[in-house]
Every structure is written in structure tokens, then in C-alpha cells.
């Protein structure tokens, strides 16, 4: 049994009869959710580097070393621009230095690579860090999870490795023998790092949110008795955290759940690993929401629907096994079920309500616009579908509308802590406000539409650093799913659609989502693009422009 559903835009009845309804691509996406239940996530330099350092015995080690070498930038760093390079460059450099140390100790593996190649990669990485770290400050760095712990842990580890390697002239790293060592970026300290280590050394259980970054703690994490793997074997939905926790007995036991988890994840991409996996609920909720909200008549198998329903509980819904419940995943899961005609009361969101906003998870250090936009959708949808909704539900809608309006930038967009692109944050906020914010939100949505129109690139794309299919899809959703866009948007949508068609079958695009490292949830990104293409082709005015352009070719 499956649920067939499609919320069509208002213009659907007037769409051309031969318009692409998006169903073939949607079917492929839905099938992929079932075929890869842990999720489809891009490999991470940070996480892969941690496995190189912590688990050189794990199959796929040579491929992980090759991945680190292949993804190093010409300037010696790894990852995205500016502060986005910090975590991956620290991790990859530390990993390569650890391979050199293993070689000198006579315990290297065939997968480590040749010494001259390793030395060159390490030298470039160390040089890049000496240039990068002094330029960075806490106030100007992107808001990435656990960055303070990551930096404190890996700066200390790299400095220790340099001390060891500089006593071995054969490494070729002699120019670092003068005693110069890395320092933390301005505003970062080691205080939290040592506090967490002390907590584990004292036998205390770490907070749930720390488990995803347990590898940053170092030796106290290994075999910590207050930490237990989830049924799949994962610690914190993180290969690095799992490898850091696995003690020597677990390494030696092929049947150990944590070892089986690591081997399964390593098999997914032949060696390199993602930052977060499994992301089962997160992926399914976002994909279903993107497709159904766009009006695609998608059939969702009962098993997928049941997995979302089964993930709901009074304390909220986790993105995947091994992660703590969070308000963002809870909200989107509730929204997805509501779109499928299976509404649930949003009472599991109450524990996340603070004074003036909803936190993503308990003890969150920061604020997320997209989380609060998704909470607005969950409460707004429930109130719209249930006339008996309590005044408390309506009060949340009013409160969050005001909150999001207050966080809109002067240019009309929004920013968020869970995504590098303002187009994701703006789509999240504009769509929620357009549907549930009422009259007070209309000027803000119009302002967001003007910003989108003003920032389109010459090739028809949108993007923070360069045009990307993902960000173009979010821009098109703003123009096609809100009521603020008028005739002036039609030509922009047609140009955006043409860009997406030219990009089809090309590179997947950069990783833009925030975790310990930037990552790309592939199925979610593809669903956003499929939804945007469908919306563009189902709009009669845009479809006419698309047809005219095709006839001119």
C-alpha cells in the first residue's frame, strides 16, 4: 500500500497538457530513499581524515588517502572558502602527518602511500594552516558544530606530530623544526575541550549532542563506559566518533557492532565517508516535503510513511539513529505527514520552546532561522487543518511570524546556521511566512522576491559564491510558491529553468550544508531541483517562455 499525493499550485489546471509532471524523477528519488535507508550524503574531508588517523586498519584506507590527496586545493588547504577550510584542513593535515609517523615507526600500511607524496601533501597542509589560522577569528567564522572542540583538539595533535617528525630528518619537514607551532584562531579557547575531557575521565556521561563529535575528545573517548552505540553500531551518527570510541577489543572483533557500522559506511563510497550517517528521517522528511509541496503526484510507500510516523515521540524526532531529537527534523517530519494527509499534533515541539524562539535541540549554542521557519510551518499547518486548535497553537504562529520578520536582512534575504547559502534560509522563511504569516508578512515576502530577482546571475543561476543548481532551485521555489511574485518574475524563472536544464547530468554541485564539515545531502538537493523544474513547467506563463526558447534553438 502507498499514499499518492500531490499539492498542485493554483495554476495547475491551466498547465499545458504535455507539461512534464515530474513523476519519473520523483519515483526515482522515492525509490532511492528505500534502497539506501541510511541516506545519500557526500563524502567529507574532515570525517575521512579522522578515519585515516584513527582507523588505518579499516578497509578502504588507500582510497581514503587518495581522496585526501585528490581534494587538496592548490594553496594546500581543503574545503570551502575562508573559515569553511578550517576543520577539513586541520583534519586532513593531521591525518597525513599521522601516516608519516606510522611509516617512521615501521607500522605504516600499504595504503598510506609513498613518503615523498605524503611529505608534499603534509608540507602544503601545514603551510596553509600557518597562513589560515592567524586570519580567522571566532566572530567572523561560519557557525559550524563543534568547531571549538575540533580546532583545540587538532591544533594540539598537529603540533605534537610536528615535534615527533622534526626529530626524523628523513621526513622532509625540517623547515618546521625551528619551534614555530600553530595557534588557535582569535576568540577560540581550549577551555571547553579540557572540560569535556575531564568529564569523560571522571566517568560522567557526555551530553547527547556531544556524541556526534566524540572524536574531538581524544583518548578519553576510547571505550568510554558511559557511551553506548546505537543498534546499528554508530556513535552519534558519525564514523569518526565511532572510530574514536572503538577500543582495541572492538577493532579485533569483526562482529562488533561498531566495527560493522564502520565497514558498512566505508563500503558506501569505497572508502571516503560522510560526516553524518544515518540521516534516515531527515532525508525522507525533506524529500517528501519538497516533492509534495511542489504539486508532484508522488506515491510514497507505506513503509516510508510508517518510518516517519514511527520516528515521532513526545521528546521530538532525531534526524537519524544515534542523534538526539531536534526541532528541525521534528517540524519537517510533521509537515511532510500533514502534506500526505496524515496530520499530527505538534506537541512534541513544546520542549524546544524558549523565550522568544524555538531551539534546534536542548542546549543549542546559537539560533536558527530555518528551524523556526519549519516550526512555523508545523504549527501553522496543524492550525489550518484543525479548527479546534488551541489558542496556544495560534500564539506560536504569531510569535514566530514576528520573530522571522525581525531577522530579515535589509536586502530582503535571510541567513541561517545550518546552511552556507542565504537562498536556503530565504526559501525556508519566505515560504513559511507566505503561507502562514498572514498580512503582516506580505511586505517581507515581497522584499524577499525583489532580492531574488536582483541577485540572479547572467547565466540564469543563483548562488552565494557561484551559481549552483541547488541554490537556483531555492530561488525558483521562492518565485513560484509565494504569492508575492508577479509577471516580472516569469522571465527570471525561465532563465533559471534553462540553467537547470543545462546543468542536468553535470557535477552535483558544492557541499553547502553545515555539519562538522560542509556536506551535501544528495537526495534532498535533487528533490529541490526536481520540484523547481516541475513548478516552472507547470506555470502557464513560464511554460510559454520555455516553449518559445526551445523553438528558437
Protein backbone atom coordinates (compact mmCIF):
# COMPACT_ATOMS: atom_id res chain seq x y z
CA UNK A 1 0.00 0.00 0.00
CA UNK A 2 1.23 3.51 -0.77
CA UNK A 3 -0.02 7.06 -0.43
CA UNK A 4 -0.43 9.04 -3.64
CA UNK A 5 -0.48 12.74 -3.12
CA UNK A 6 0.23 15.98 -4.88
CA UNK A 7 -0.41 19.55 -3.80
CA UNK A 8 -0.65 21.45 -7.06
CA UNK A 9 -0.02 25.16 -7.44
CA UNK A 10 -3.05 27.26 -8.21
CA UNK A 11 -2.25 27.40 -11.92
CA UNK A 12 -2.03 23.64 -12.42
CA UNK A 13 -5.45 23.31 -14.09
CA UNK A 14 -4.24 25.62 -16.86
CA UNK A 15 -0.89 23.94 -17.44
CA UNK A 16 -0.09 22.65 -20.92
CA UNK A 17 -1.20 19.05 -21.36
CA UNK A 18 2.30 17.95 -22.33
CA UNK A 19 4.00 19.56 -19.35
CA UNK A 20 6.48 17.32 -17.52
CA UNK A 21 4.75 16.34 -14.29
CA UNK A 22 7.97 15.40 -12.51
CA UNK A 23 6.73 11.95 -11.58
CA UNK A 24 9.54 9.87 -13.15
CA UNK A 25 12.23 11.79 -11.29
CA UNK A 26 10.15 11.74 -8.11
CA UNK A 27 9.72 7.96 -8.39
CA UNK A 28 13.49 7.56 -8.68
CA UNK A 29 14.03 9.72 -5.59
CA UNK A 30 11.46 7.82 -3.54
CA UNK A 31 12.97 4.51 -4.63
CA UNK A 32 16.39 5.77 -3.56
CA UNK A 33 15.12 6.53 -0.06
CA UNK A 34 14.21 2.88 0.37
CA UNK A 35 17.29 1.49 -1.40
CA UNK A 36 19.73 3.46 0.77
CA UNK A 37 17.91 3.82 4.08
CA UNK A 38 20.86 5.38 5.89
CA UNK A 39 20.84 8.27 3.44
CA UNK A 40 22.76 9.67 0.49
CA UNK A 41 25.44 12.08 1.70
CA UNK A 42 28.59 13.46 0.09
CA UNK A 43 31.96 12.32 1.48
CA UNK A 44 33.61 14.65 3.98
CA UNK A 45 37.29 15.59 4.05
CA UNK A 46 37.07 16.19 7.79
CA UNK A 47 35.44 12.85 8.61
CA UNK A 48 37.59 10.90 6.15
CA UNK A 49 40.72 12.44 7.65
CA UNK A 50 39.65 11.31 11.10
CA UNK A 51 39.30 7.71 9.91
CA UNK A 52 42.75 7.86 8.29
CA UNK A 53 44.20 8.91 11.64
CA UNK A 54 42.03 6.77 13.94
CA UNK A 55 41.35 3.62 11.91
CA UNK A 56 44.08 2.89 9.34
CA UNK A 57 43.14 -0.79 9.76
CA UNK A 58 39.67 -0.22 8.29
CA UNK A 59 39.13 -1.40 4.71
CA UNK A 60 39.20 1.36 2.14
CA UNK A 61 42.19 3.09 3.77
CA UNK A 62 44.08 3.53 0.49
CA UNK A 63 41.02 5.10 -1.12
CA UNK A 64 40.71 7.48 1.81
CA UNK A 65 44.33 8.53 1.42
CA UNK A 66 43.78 9.05 -2.32
CA UNK A 67 40.66 11.09 -1.57
CA UNK A 68 42.59 13.43 0.73
CA UNK A 69 45.34 13.92 -1.85
CA UNK A 70 42.87 14.49 -4.68
CA UNK A 71 40.78 17.05 -2.80
CA UNK A 72 43.67 19.21 -1.58
CA UNK A 73 43.48 22.68 -3.11
CA UNK A 74 46.38 24.28 -4.97
CA UNK A 75 47.06 26.51 -1.95
CA UNK A 76 47.44 23.45 0.31
CA UNK A 77 44.12 23.81 2.13
CA UNK A 78 40.96 21.72 1.88
CA UNK A 79 37.28 22.62 1.87
CA UNK A 80 35.40 25.82 1.14
CA UNK A 81 36.46 29.47 1.26
CA UNK A 82 37.82 31.24 4.33
CA UNK A 83 36.64 29.75 7.65
CA UNK A 84 34.99 26.82 5.90
CA UNK A 85 38.50 25.50 5.25
CA UNK A 86 39.43 25.27 8.94
CA UNK A 87 38.02 21.88 10.01
CA UNK A 88 38.82 19.96 6.80
CA UNK A 89 42.35 21.38 6.55
CA UNK A 90 43.13 20.60 10.18
CA UNK A 91 41.76 17.07 9.85
CA UNK A 92 43.43 16.21 6.52
CA UNK A 93 46.79 17.64 7.58
CA UNK A 94 46.70 15.77 10.88
CA UNK A 95 45.76 12.57 9.03
CA UNK A 96 48.68 12.79 6.60
CA UNK A 97 51.09 13.61 9.43
CA UNK A 98 49.83 10.55 11.30
CA UNK A 99 50.59 8.42 8.22
CA UNK A 100 54.15 9.76 8.15
CA UNK A 101 54.57 8.93 11.83
CA UNK A 102 53.30 5.39 11.22
CA UNK A 103 55.82 5.00 8.40
CA UNK A 104 58.71 6.16 10.61
CA UNK A 105 57.61 3.78 13.36
CA UNK A 106 57.51 0.88 10.93
CA UNK A 107 53.76 0.37 11.38
CA UNK A 108 52.59 2.06 8.20
CA UNK A 109 50.15 0.38 5.83
CA UNK A 110 50.42 -0.09 2.08
CA UNK A 111 47.50 2.29 1.76
CA UNK A 112 49.37 5.20 3.36
CA UNK A 113 51.12 5.99 0.07
CA UNK A 114 54.71 6.84 -0.77
CA UNK A 115 56.77 9.03 1.57
CA UNK A 116 57.60 11.81 -0.95
CA UNK A 117 53.94 12.18 -1.86
CA UNK A 118 52.86 12.22 1.78
CA UNK A 119 55.55 14.71 2.68
CA UNK A 120 54.49 17.11 -0.05
CA UNK A 121 50.79 16.92 0.94
CA UNK A 122 51.67 17.40 4.62
CA UNK A 123 54.02 20.30 3.93
CA UNK A 124 51.39 22.09 1.84
CA UNK A 125 48.77 21.48 4.52
CA UNK A 126 50.93 22.76 7.37
CA UNK A 127 51.88 25.83 5.33
CA UNK A 128 48.22 26.53 4.56
CA UNK A 129 47.34 26.34 8.27
CA UNK A 130 50.07 28.80 9.23
CA UNK A 131 48.53 31.24 6.74
CA UNK A 132 44.90 30.46 7.56
CA UNK A 133 44.74 30.40 11.36
CA UNK A 134 46.00 33.96 12.01
CA UNK A 135 43.40 35.33 9.57
CA UNK A 136 40.47 33.72 11.35
CA UNK A 137 38.54 34.97 14.37
CA UNK A 138 35.57 33.47 16.17
CA UNK A 139 33.37 36.42 15.26
CA UNK A 140 33.99 36.06 11.51
CA UNK A 141 33.98 32.26 11.24
CA UNK A 142 30.98 30.29 9.95
CA UNK A 143 28.77 28.80 12.65
CA UNK A 144 29.82 25.14 12.38
CA UNK A 145 29.03 22.48 15.01
CA UNK A 146 31.83 21.61 17.46
CA UNK A 147 34.36 23.89 15.74
CA UNK A 148 35.85 24.97 19.08
CA UNK A 149 36.46 21.35 20.08
CA UNK A 150 37.73 20.41 16.61
CA UNK A 151 40.20 23.26 16.49
CA UNK A 152 41.52 22.74 20.03
CA UNK A 153 41.94 19.00 19.51
CA UNK A 154 43.58 19.08 16.08
CA UNK A 155 45.85 22.08 16.59
CA UNK A 156 47.31 20.28 19.61
CA UNK A 157 47.60 17.00 17.67
CA UNK A 158 49.34 18.61 14.68
CA UNK A 159 51.79 20.39 16.95
CA UNK A 160 52.62 17.09 18.65
CA UNK A 161 53.14 15.45 15.26
CA UNK A 162 55.48 18.21 14.15
CA UNK A 163 57.53 17.68 17.31
CA UNK A 164 57.82 13.96 16.53
CA UNK A 165 58.54 14.34 12.83
CA UNK A 166 61.08 17.09 13.22
CA UNK A 167 63.28 14.63 15.12
CA UNK A 168 63.32 12.49 11.97
CA UNK A 169 65.21 14.32 9.17
CA UNK A 170 64.05 11.77 6.60
CA UNK A 171 60.52 13.19 6.68
CA UNK A 172 61.47 16.28 4.72
CA UNK A 173 59.62 18.54 7.15
CA UNK A 174 62.74 20.04 8.62
CA UNK A 175 61.72 23.62 7.95
CA UNK A 176 59.25 23.36 10.84
CA UNK A 177 62.00 22.39 13.27
CA UNK A 178 62.54 25.93 14.49
CA UNK A 179 59.85 25.64 17.10
CA UNK A 180 57.08 27.56 15.33
CA UNK A 181 53.75 25.97 16.13
CA UNK A 182 50.09 26.51 15.25
CA UNK A 183 47.87 28.70 17.38
CA UNK A 184 44.11 28.75 17.67
CA UNK A 185 42.13 31.41 15.78
CA UNK A 186 41.27 34.53 17.77
CA UNK A 187 38.41 34.00 20.18
CA UNK A 188 38.71 30.22 20.33
CA UNK A 189 39.98 28.61 23.51
CA UNK A 190 40.78 25.17 24.89
CA UNK A 191 38.51 25.61 27.93
CA UNK A 192 35.60 23.54 26.64
CA UNK A 193 37.93 20.91 25.20
CA UNK A 194 39.58 20.25 28.56
CA UNK A 195 36.24 20.41 30.39
CA UNK A 196 34.79 17.66 28.20
CA UNK A 197 37.91 15.52 28.60
CA UNK A 198 37.70 15.92 32.37
CA UNK A 199 34.03 14.94 32.29
CA UNK A 200 34.78 11.67 30.48
CA UNK A 201 37.83 10.93 32.60
CA UNK A 202 35.62 11.29 35.68
CA UNK A 203 33.22 8.69 34.30
CA UNK A 204 30.39 11.13 33.57
CA UNK A 205 28.07 10.69 30.60
CA UNK A 206 28.60 13.32 27.91
CA UNK A 207 25.64 15.37 26.63
CA UNK A 208 23.84 13.70 23.73
CA UNK A 209 24.79 16.49 21.34
CA UNK A 210 28.50 15.85 22.02
CA UNK A 211 28.39 12.25 20.80
CA UNK A 212 28.41 13.38 17.15
CA UNK A 213 31.83 14.93 17.75
CA UNK A 214 33.19 12.46 20.32
CA UNK A 215 36.41 12.04 18.32
CA UNK A 216 37.48 15.55 19.38
CA UNK A 217 37.95 14.39 22.97
CA UNK A 218 40.87 12.12 22.15
CA UNK A 219 41.95 9.21 24.33
CA UNK A 220 39.19 9.57 26.99
CA UNK A 221 36.65 8.68 24.28
CA UNK A 222 38.17 5.25 23.63
CA UNK A 223 35.93 2.62 25.17
CA UNK A 224 34.18 5.22 27.37
CA UNK A 225 31.80 3.23 29.58
CA UNK A 226 29.17 5.96 29.68
CA UNK A 227 28.81 5.85 25.88
CA UNK A 228 26.93 3.07 24.14
CA UNK A 229 26.48 2.50 20.42
CA UNK A 230 23.04 2.63 18.83
CA UNK A 231 21.60 -0.65 17.48
CA UNK A 232 23.31 -0.06 14.12
CA UNK A 233 26.64 0.28 15.92
CA UNK A 234 27.05 4.01 15.40
CA UNK A 235 28.16 6.51 17.99
CA UNK A 236 26.46 9.83 17.32
CA UNK A 237 25.74 9.03 13.65
CA UNK A 238 29.41 9.75 13.00
CA UNK A 239 32.07 7.43 11.56
CA UNK A 240 34.78 9.49 13.29
CA UNK A 241 33.09 9.37 16.69
CA UNK A 242 32.52 5.63 16.28
CA UNK A 243 36.17 5.00 15.38
CA UNK A 244 37.33 7.11 18.33
CA UNK A 245 35.16 5.14 20.76
CA UNK A 246 36.01 1.66 19.44
CA UNK A 247 38.60 0.13 21.75
CA UNK A 248 41.22 -2.46 20.81
CA UNK A 249 38.94 -5.39 21.58
CA UNK A 250 36.33 -3.96 19.23
CA UNK A 251 38.88 -3.47 16.48
CA UNK A 252 39.90 -7.10 16.78
CA UNK A 253 36.32 -8.40 16.77
CA UNK A 254 34.82 -8.47 13.24
CA UNK A 255 31.36 -8.99 14.77
CA UNK A 256 31.48 -5.90 16.99
CA UNK A 257 28.52 -3.64 16.06
CA UNK A 258 30.67 -0.50 15.90
CA UNK A 259 33.18 -2.18 13.61
CA UNK A 260 30.37 -3.48 11.37
CA UNK A 261 28.95 0.05 11.20
CA UNK A 262 32.31 1.47 10.10
CA UNK A 263 32.78 -1.22 7.46
CA UNK A 264 29.27 -0.66 6.11
CA UNK A 265 29.78 3.10 5.84
CA UNK A 266 33.21 2.68 4.27
CA UNK A 267 31.63 0.47 1.59
CA UNK A 268 29.10 3.13 0.56
CA UNK A 269 31.64 5.20 -1.39
CA UNK A 270 34.54 2.76 -1.47
CA UNK A 271 36.49 4.37 1.37
CA UNK A 272 35.70 8.08 1.97
CA UNK A 273 32.92 8.69 4.49
CA UNK A 274 30.33 11.39 5.25
CA UNK A 275 30.13 13.48 8.41
CA UNK A 276 26.68 12.35 9.41
CA UNK A 277 25.08 8.99 8.74
CA UNK A 278 22.44 7.61 9.10
CA UNK A 279 20.17 10.58 8.29
CA UNK A 280 17.10 8.48 7.53
CA UNK A 281 14.33 10.71 8.92
CA UNK A 282 15.97 13.97 7.88
CA UNK A 283 16.34 12.81 4.29
CA UNK A 284 12.86 11.32 3.98
CA UNK A 285 11.09 14.28 5.54
CA UNK A 286 12.83 16.89 3.36
CA UNK A 287 12.49 14.92 0.12
CA UNK A 288 8.78 14.21 0.61
CA UNK A 289 8.10 17.83 1.59
CA UNK A 290 9.92 19.21 -1.46
CA UNK A 291 8.11 16.93 -3.90
CA UNK A 292 4.58 17.09 -2.47
CA UNK A 293 4.67 20.84 -1.82
CA UNK A 294 5.55 21.35 -5.49
CA UNK A 295 2.40 19.50 -6.56
CA UNK A 296 4.06 16.36 -7.88
CA UNK A 297 1.70 13.39 -7.69
CA UNK A 298 4.17 11.19 -5.89
CA UNK A 299 3.40 7.76 -4.47
CA UNK A 300 5.00 7.29 -1.08
CA UNK A 301 5.25 3.64 0.00
CA UNK A 302 3.56 2.81 3.27
CA UNK A 303 6.90 1.72 4.74
CA UNK A 304 8.37 5.21 4.26
CA UNK A 305 5.33 6.88 5.76
CA UNK A 306 5.42 4.44 8.68
CA UNK A 307 9.10 5.27 9.27
CA UNK A 308 8.22 8.95 9.69
CA UNK A 309 5.29 8.19 11.95
CA UNK A 310 7.36 5.77 13.97
CA UNK A 311 10.09 8.38 14.50
CA UNK A 312 7.68 10.77 16.23
CA UNK A 313 7.78 10.72 20.00
CA UNK A 314 6.95 13.19 22.81
CA UNK A 315 10.53 14.47 23.04
CA UNK A 316 10.86 15.09 19.30
CA UNK A 317 12.32 13.33 16.29
CA UNK A 318 16.02 12.70 15.55
CA UNK A 319 17.47 13.14 12.07
CA UNK A 320 18.79 9.59 12.25
CA UNK A 321 19.81 6.83 14.61
CA UNK A 322 22.46 7.93 17.08
CA UNK A 323 21.48 11.61 17.02
CA UNK A 324 19.42 13.44 19.65
CA UNK A 325 15.89 14.61 18.77
CA UNK A 326 15.74 18.10 17.28
CA UNK A 327 13.04 20.63 16.49
CA UNK A 328 14.07 20.99 12.84
CA UNK A 329 13.63 17.32 11.91
CA UNK A 330 10.50 17.10 14.08
CA UNK A 331 8.91 20.05 12.29
CA UNK A 332 9.66 18.88 8.76
CA UNK A 333 8.53 15.32 9.55
CA UNK A 334 5.24 16.73 10.88
CA UNK A 335 4.91 18.96 7.80
CA UNK A 336 5.62 16.05 5.43
CA UNK A 337 2.99 13.87 7.13
CA UNK A 338 0.49 16.72 7.02
CA UNK A 339 1.08 17.19 3.30
CA UNK A 340 0.38 13.47 2.88
CA UNK A 341 -2.93 13.86 4.69
CA UNK A 342 -1.68 12.39 7.96
CA UNK A 343 -1.56 15.36 10.34
CA UNK A 344 -0.23 15.02 13.88
CA UNK A 345 -0.44 17.45 16.76
CA UNK A 346 2.84 19.40 17.03
CA UNK A 347 3.01 18.87 20.79
CA UNK A 348 6.43 17.21 20.53
CA UNK A 349 7.81 20.67 19.68
CA UNK A 350 6.89 22.24 23.02
CA UNK A 351 10.08 21.05 24.77
CA UNK A 352 12.09 23.21 22.34
CA UNK A 353 10.26 26.42 23.08
CA UNK A 354 12.40 29.05 24.76
CA UNK A 355 11.64 32.66 25.47
CA UNK A 356 11.03 34.18 22.06
CA UNK A 357 12.08 31.26 19.81
CA UNK A 358 12.48 27.51 19.41
CA UNK A 359 15.90 25.93 19.82
CA UNK A 360 17.08 23.27 17.38
CA UNK A 361 17.99 20.96 20.27
CA UNK A 362 18.35 21.24 24.01
CA UNK A 363 21.42 23.25 24.94
CA UNK A 364 21.91 24.72 21.47
CA UNK A 365 24.61 27.38 21.25
CA UNK A 366 23.02 29.66 18.70
CA UNK A 367 19.81 30.40 16.82
CA UNK A 368 18.44 29.01 13.56
CA UNK A 369 16.07 30.91 11.29
CA UNK A 370 15.30 27.81 9.21
CA UNK A 371 14.43 25.74 12.29
CA UNK A 372 11.98 28.41 13.42
CA UNK A 373 10.55 28.71 9.91
CA UNK A 374 9.94 24.95 9.87
CA UNK A 375 8.34 25.11 13.33
CA UNK A 376 6.07 27.86 11.97
CA UNK A 377 5.04 25.51 9.14
CA UNK A 378 4.32 22.66 11.56
CA UNK A 379 2.14 24.77 13.84
CA UNK A 380 0.58 26.77 11.01
CA UNK A 381 -0.33 23.67 9.04
CA UNK A 382 -1.88 22.00 12.08
CA UNK A 383 -3.90 25.11 12.98
CA UNK A 384 -5.11 25.45 9.39
CA UNK A 385 -6.23 21.80 9.24
CA UNK A 386 -7.82 21.73 12.70
CA UNK A 387 -10.35 24.42 13.60
CA UNK A 388 -10.22 23.14 17.17
CA UNK A 389 -6.53 24.01 17.51
CA UNK A 390 -5.88 25.76 20.80
CA UNK A 391 -5.08 29.46 21.18
CA UNK A 392 -1.63 28.31 22.23
CA UNK A 393 -1.01 26.98 18.71
CA UNK A 394 -2.16 30.25 17.16
CA UNK A 395 0.06 32.20 19.53
CA UNK A 396 3.10 30.31 18.28
CA UNK A 397 2.24 31.20 14.68
CA UNK A 398 2.00 34.88 15.59
CA UNK A 399 5.15 34.75 17.69
CA UNK A 400 7.27 33.04 15.04
CA UNK A 401 5.99 35.30 12.28
CA UNK A 402 7.21 38.30 14.25
CA UNK A 403 10.49 36.55 15.04
CA UNK A 404 11.30 35.75 11.41
CA UNK A 405 10.33 39.23 10.24
CA UNK A 406 12.79 40.63 12.74
CA UNK A 407 15.63 38.52 11.34
CA UNK A 408 15.17 39.51 7.71
CA UNK A 409 18.22 41.33 6.35
CA UNK A 410 17.96 44.79 4.86
CA UNK A 411 18.47 43.35 1.37
CA UNK A 412 15.43 41.05 1.75
CA UNK A 413 17.16 37.73 2.41
CA UNK A 414 17.77 35.63 5.49
CA UNK A 415 20.83 33.76 6.82
CA UNK A 416 20.91 30.51 8.78
CA UNK A 417 23.34 28.47 10.86
CA UNK A 418 22.61 25.17 9.11
CA UNK A 419 23.37 26.20 5.53
CA UNK A 420 26.03 28.31 3.86
CA UNK A 421 23.64 29.82 1.31
CA UNK A 422 21.19 32.65 2.01
CA UNK A 423 18.93 31.15 -0.67
CA UNK A 424 18.15 28.13 1.52
CA UNK A 425 17.40 30.29 4.54
CA UNK A 426 15.33 32.72 2.46
CA UNK A 427 13.31 29.93 0.87
CA UNK A 428 12.63 28.42 4.30
CA UNK A 429 11.47 31.74 5.76
CA UNK A 430 9.65 33.16 2.73
CA UNK A 431 7.63 30.01 2.07
CA UNK A 432 6.60 29.67 5.73
CA UNK A 433 5.69 33.36 6.05
CA UNK A 434 3.80 33.44 2.75
CA UNK A 435 1.58 30.55 3.78
CA UNK A 436 1.14 31.16 7.48
CA UNK A 437 2.31 34.69 8.28
CA UNK A 438 -0.79 36.49 7.05
CA UNK A 439 -0.95 40.17 6.18
CA UNK A 440 1.93 41.23 8.48
CA UNK A 441 4.32 39.03 6.48
CA UNK A 442 3.36 40.12 2.96
CA UNK A 443 5.79 43.08 2.69
CA UNK A 444 8.67 40.86 3.84
CA UNK A 445 7.84 38.19 1.28
CA UNK A 446 7.67 40.83 -1.47
CA UNK A 447 11.04 42.12 -0.31
CA UNK A 448 12.47 38.59 -0.49
CA UNK A 449 11.16 38.21 -4.05
CA UNK A 450 12.79 41.51 -5.07
CA UNK A 451 16.10 40.32 -3.58
CA UNK A 452 15.90 37.06 -5.52
CA UNK A 453 15.19 38.88 -8.78
CA UNK A 454 18.04 41.32 -8.15
CA UNK A 455 20.63 38.64 -7.47
CA UNK A 456 20.12 36.36 -10.46
CA UNK A 457 23.37 35.77 -12.34
CA UNK A 458 23.87 36.38 -16.04
CA UNK A 459 23.65 32.67 -16.84
CA UNK A 460 20.25 32.39 -15.13
CA UNK A 461 21.55 30.81 -11.93
CA UNK A 462 21.67 31.90 -8.33
CA UNK A 463 24.39 31.22 -5.76
CA UNK A 464 26.46 32.64 -2.93
CA UNK A 465 29.92 32.02 -4.40
CA UNK A 466 28.92 30.82 -7.85
CA UNK A 467 25.70 29.69 -9.46
CA UNK A 468 24.60 26.20 -8.38
CA UNK A 469 21.60 24.00 -9.23
CA UNK A 470 20.69 23.71 -5.54
CA UNK A 471 20.59 27.43 -4.86
CA UNK A 472 18.84 28.09 -8.17
CA UNK A 473 16.16 25.62 -7.11
CA UNK A 474 15.58 27.52 -3.85
CA UNK A 475 15.34 30.82 -5.73
CA UNK A 476 12.79 29.35 -8.14
CA UNK A 477 10.73 27.99 -5.26
CA UNK A 478 10.54 31.49 -3.79
CA UNK A 479 9.37 32.90 -7.12
CA UNK A 480 6.89 30.10 -7.85
CA UNK A 481 5.47 29.11 -4.46
CA UNK A 482 4.86 32.52 -2.90
CA UNK A 483 2.03 34.88 -3.79
CA UNK A 484 4.32 37.90 -3.93
CA UNK A 485 5.91 37.18 -7.30
CA UNK A 486 4.21 38.67 -10.32
CA UNK A 487 4.69 38.88 -14.06
CA UNK A 488 8.15 40.38 -13.61
CA UNK A 489 9.37 37.03 -12.31
CA UNK A 490 8.37 34.94 -15.34
CA UNK A 491 11.43 35.72 -17.45
CA UNK A 492 13.74 35.16 -14.47
CA UNK A 493 12.12 31.78 -13.80
CA UNK A 494 12.51 30.78 -17.46
CA UNK A 495 16.21 31.69 -17.35
CA UNK A 496 16.62 29.73 -14.12
CA UNK A 497 14.88 26.74 -15.65
CA UNK A 498 17.20 26.92 -18.68
CA UNK A 499 20.21 26.93 -16.34
CA UNK A 500 18.92 23.82 -14.55
CA UNK A 501 18.42 22.05 -17.88
CA UNK A 502 21.98 22.89 -18.95
CA UNK A 503 23.26 21.63 -15.59
CA UNK A 504 21.36 18.34 -15.72
CA UNK A 505 23.70 15.37 -15.68
CA UNK A 506 26.66 17.54 -14.68
CA UNK A 507 28.54 17.76 -11.37
CA UNK A 508 26.37 17.52 -8.28
CA UNK A 509 27.41 20.96 -7.06
CA UNK A 510 29.28 22.04 -3.94
CA UNK A 511 28.55 20.96 -0.39
CA UNK A 512 26.65 23.80 1.29
CA UNK A 513 25.04 22.29 4.40
CA UNK A 514 26.63 22.81 7.82
CA UNK A 515 27.94 19.95 9.93
CA UNK A 516 31.47 19.49 11.28
CA UNK A 517 32.36 19.96 7.61
CA UNK A 518 30.25 21.23 4.72
CA UNK A 519 28.19 18.38 3.27
CA UNK A 520 25.63 17.75 0.54
CA UNK A 521 22.55 15.60 1.26
CA UNK A 522 22.26 14.39 -2.33
CA UNK A 523 18.65 13.17 -2.36
CA UNK A 524 17.42 16.34 -0.65
CA UNK A 525 19.27 18.55 -3.12
CA UNK A 526 17.97 16.56 -6.10
CA UNK A 527 14.42 16.77 -4.76
CA UNK A 528 14.69 20.56 -4.54
CA UNK A 529 15.81 20.71 -8.19
CA UNK A 530 13.10 18.29 -9.36
CA UNK A 531 10.49 20.37 -7.52
CA UNK A 532 11.74 23.62 -9.05
CA UNK A 533 11.74 22.23 -12.60
CA UNK A 534 8.23 20.87 -12.12
CA UNK A 535 6.94 24.18 -10.76
CA UNK A 536 8.47 26.13 -13.64
CA UNK A 537 6.97 23.86 -16.29
CA UNK A 538 3.53 23.88 -14.68
CA UNK A 539 3.27 27.66 -14.64
CA UNK A 540 1.48 28.62 -17.90
CA UNK A 541 3.31 31.91 -18.45
CA UNK A 542 6.72 30.38 -17.78
CA UNK A 543 5.87 27.32 -19.86
CA UNK A 544 5.10 29.62 -22.81
CA UNK A 545 8.54 31.26 -22.47
CA UNK A 546 10.24 27.87 -22.19
CA UNK A 547 8.45 26.64 -25.32
CA UNK A 548 9.42 29.77 -27.24
CA UNK A 549 13.06 29.36 -26.23
CA UNK A 550 13.03 25.70 -27.31
CA UNK A 551 11.51 26.63 -30.67
CA UNK A 552 14.27 29.19 -31.25
CA UNK A 553 17.00 26.55 -30.85
